[in-house]
C-alpha atoms as a PDB file:
ATOM      1  CA  GLY A   1       0.105   0.021   0.152  1.00  0.00           C
ATOM      2  CA  ARG A   2       0.835   3.784  -0.247  1.00  0.00           C
ATOM      3  CA  VAL A   3       2.374   5.641   2.351  1.00  0.00           C
ATOM      4  CA  PRO A   4      -0.757   7.495   4.303  1.00  0.00           C
ATOM      5  CA  ALA A   5      -0.385  11.246   4.002  1.00  0.00           C
ATOM      6  CA  ALA A   6      -0.150  11.783   7.689  1.00  0.00           C
ATOM      7  CA  ALA A   7       3.253  10.046   7.469  1.00  0.00           C
ATOM      8  CA  ALA A   8       4.440  12.663   5.021  1.00  0.00           C
ATOM      9  CA  GLY A   9       3.244  15.611   6.931  1.00  0.00           C
ATOM     10  CA  GLU A  10       0.415  16.866   4.255  1.00  0.00           C
ATOM     11  CA  GLU A  11      -3.200  17.575   5.028  1.00  0.00           C
ATOM     12  CA  VAL A  12      -5.197  14.482   5.445  1.00  0.00           C
ATOM     13  CA  PRO A  13      -8.651  14.566   3.788  1.00  0.00           C
ATOM     14  CA  VAL A  14     -11.105  12.439   5.720  1.00  0.00           C
ATOM     15  CA  GLU A  15     -14.117  11.459   3.996  1.00  0.00           C
ATOM     16  CA  GLY A  16     -17.479  10.601   5.508  1.00  0.00           C
ATOM     17  CA  GLY A  17     -19.396  11.095   8.589  1.00  0.00           C
ATOM     18  CA  PRO A  18     -21.877  13.927   9.448  1.00  0.00           C
ATOM     19  CA  PRO A  19     -19.978  17.108   9.607  1.00  0.00           C
ATOM     20  CA  ASP A  20     -21.619  18.194  12.979  1.00  0.00           C
ATOM     21  CA  HIS A  21     -20.475  14.814  14.605  1.00  0.00           C
ATOM     22  CA  SER A  22     -17.945  15.929  17.395  1.00  0.00           C
ATOM     23  CA  TYR A  23     -15.294  13.436  16.173  1.00  0.00           C
ATOM     24  CA  SER A  24     -15.750  13.998  12.319  1.00  0.00           C
ATOM     25  CA  LEU A  25     -12.884  15.940  11.032  1.00  0.00           C
ATOM     26  CA  SER A  26     -12.959  18.609   8.049  1.00  0.00           C
ATOM     27  CA  SER A  27     -11.243  17.586   4.900  1.00  0.00           C
ATOM     28  CA  GLY A  28      -8.824  20.328   5.813  1.00  0.00           C
ATOM     29  CA  THR A  29      -7.254  18.326   8.971  1.00  0.00           C
ATOM     30  CA  THR A  30      -3.757  18.707   9.299  1.00  0.00           C
ATOM     31  CA  SER A  31      -1.603  15.759  10.793  1.00  0.00           C
ATOM     32  CA  GLU A  32      -0.758  18.123  13.654  1.00  0.00           C
ATOM     33  CA  GLU A  33      -4.558  18.693  14.454  1.00  0.00           C
ATOM     34  CA  LEU A  34      -5.076  14.868  14.183  1.00  0.00           C
ATOM     35  CA  LEU A  35      -2.215  14.336  16.781  1.00  0.00           C
ATOM     36  CA  ARG A  36      -3.477  16.897  19.068  1.00  0.00           C
ATOM     37  CA  LYS A  37      -7.046  15.076  18.924  1.00  0.00           C
ATOM     38  CA  LEU A  38      -5.349  11.797  19.460  1.00  0.00           C
ATOM     39  CA  ASN A  39      -3.449  13.272  22.381  1.00  0.00           C
ATOM     40  CA  GLU A  40      -6.567  14.628  23.902  1.00  0.00           C
ATOM     41  CA  GLN A  41      -8.443  11.237  23.265  1.00  0.00           C
ATOM     42  CA  ARG A  42      -5.482   9.586  24.956  1.00  0.00           C
ATOM     43  CA  ASP A  43      -5.756  11.907  27.984  1.00  0.00           C
ATOM     44  CA  ILE A  44      -9.405  11.157  28.460  1.00  0.00           C
ATOM     45  CA  ILE A  45      -9.075   7.588  28.192  1.00  0.00           C
ATOM     46  CA  ALA A  46      -6.428   7.689  30.670  1.00  0.00           C
ATOM     47  CA  LEU A  47      -8.599   9.617  32.970  1.00  0.00           C
ATOM     48  CA  LEU A  48     -11.505   7.257  32.438  1.00  0.00           C
ATOM     49  CA  GLU A  49      -9.065   4.320  33.214  1.00  0.00           C
ATOM     50  CA  VAL A  50      -8.130   6.017  36.612  1.00  0.00           C
ATOM     51  CA  LYS A  51     -11.973   6.532  37.228  1.00  0.00           C
ATOM     52  CA  MET A  52     -12.708   2.925  36.410  1.00  0.00           C
ATOM     53  CA  LYS A  53     -10.213   1.554  38.837  1.00  0.00           C
ATOM     54  CA  GLU A  54     -11.371   3.878  41.580  1.00  0.00           C
ATOM     55  CA  MET A  55     -14.925   2.579  40.851  1.00  0.00           C
ATOM     56  CA  LYS A  56     -13.930  -1.094  41.062  1.00  0.00           C
ATOM     57  CA  GLY A  57     -12.209  -0.371  44.338  1.00  0.00           C
ATOM     58  CA  SER A  58     -15.433   1.156  45.610  1.00  0.00           C
ATOM     59  CA  ILE A  59     -17.411  -1.931  44.260  1.00  0.00           C
ATOM     60  CA  ARG A  60     -15.080  -4.218  45.925  1.00  0.00           C
ATOM     61  CA  ARG A  61     -15.511  -2.405  49.419  1.00  0.00           C
ATOM     62  CA  LEU A  62     -19.160  -2.237  48.998  1.00  0.00           C
ATOM     63  CA  ARG A  63     -19.265  -5.900  48.270  1.00  0.00           C
ATOM     64  CA  LEU A  64     -17.250  -6.711  51.442  1.00  0.00           C
ATOM     65  CA  ALA A  65     -19.537  -4.551  53.416  1.00  0.00           C
ATOM     66  CA  GLU A  66     -22.595  -6.233  52.163  1.00  0.00           C
ATOM     67  CA  ALA A  67     -21.108  -9.575  52.817  1.00  0.00           C
ATOM     68  CA  GLN A  68     -20.470  -8.447  56.537  1.00  0.00           C
ATOM     69  CA  LEU A  69     -24.127  -7.128  56.807  1.00  0.00           C
ATOM     70  CA  ARG A  70     -25.531 -10.253  55.359  1.00  0.00           C
ATOM     71  CA  GLU A  71     -23.600 -12.301  57.791  1.00  0.00           C
ATOM     72  CA  GLU A  72     -24.716 -10.109  60.823  1.00  0.00           C
ATOM     73  CA  ILE A  73     -28.247 -10.580  59.666  1.00  0.00           C
ATOM     74  CA  ARG A  74     -27.981 -14.201  59.399  1.00  0.00           C
ATOM     75  CA  GLU A  75     -26.607 -14.137  63.005  1.00  0.00           C
ATOM     76  CA  LYS A  76     -29.372 -12.103  64.381  1.00  0.00           C
ATOM     77  CA  ASP A  77     -32.016 -14.230  62.531  1.00  0.00           C
ATOM     78  CA  ARG A  78     -30.369 -17.319  64.081  1.00  0.00           C
ATOM     79  CA  LEU A  79     -30.432 -15.748  67.563  1.00  0.00           C
ATOM     80  CA  LEU A  80     -34.191 -14.687  66.886  1.00  0.00           C
ATOM     81  CA  HIS A  81     -35.191 -18.017  65.462  1.00  0.00           C
ATOM     82  CA  ALA A  82     -33.448 -19.659  68.720  1.00  0.00           C
ATOM     83  CA  ALA A  83     -35.326 -17.074  71.148  1.00  0.00           C
ATOM     84  CA  THR A  84     -38.810 -17.421  69.415  1.00  0.00           C
ATOM     85  CA  ALA A  85     -38.646 -21.475  69.145  1.00  0.00           C
ATOM     86  CA  GLY A  86     -40.017 -21.905  72.378  1.00  0.00           C
ATOM     87  CA  THR A  87     -42.694 -19.349  71.989  1.00  0.00           C
ATOM     88  CA  ARG A  88     -43.775 -20.730  68.548  1.00  0.00           C
ATOM     89  CA  LYS A  89     -44.150 -24.035  69.958  1.00  0.00           C
ATOM     90  CA  ARG A  90     -46.417 -22.912  72.697  1.00  0.00           C
ATOM     91  CA  HIS A  91     -48.729 -20.944  70.159  1.00  0.00           C
ATOM     92  CA  GLY A  92     -48.876 -23.747  67.642  1.00  0.00           C
ATOM     93  CA  LEU A  93     -47.262 -21.572  64.629  1.00  0.00           C
END
């Protein structure tokens, strides 16, 4: 294949896509502008990856907290059943 125009530092015409789309590029986009857009997107992606890691950490902590709460509820239920077992028999429930 032929060398892409971006490699030669020329203007790269980009066809297709609605012009109002935020990612669509005008036909006069230079390789410099393309690089800037790519770098901006790379920064955004890096930021999103950090946010995702933070969210995964939060989810992990919430899951641990949930497991502990479920354990406490099970324990309370067990005590409640033990305490009410005698009265249930008397009332015929």
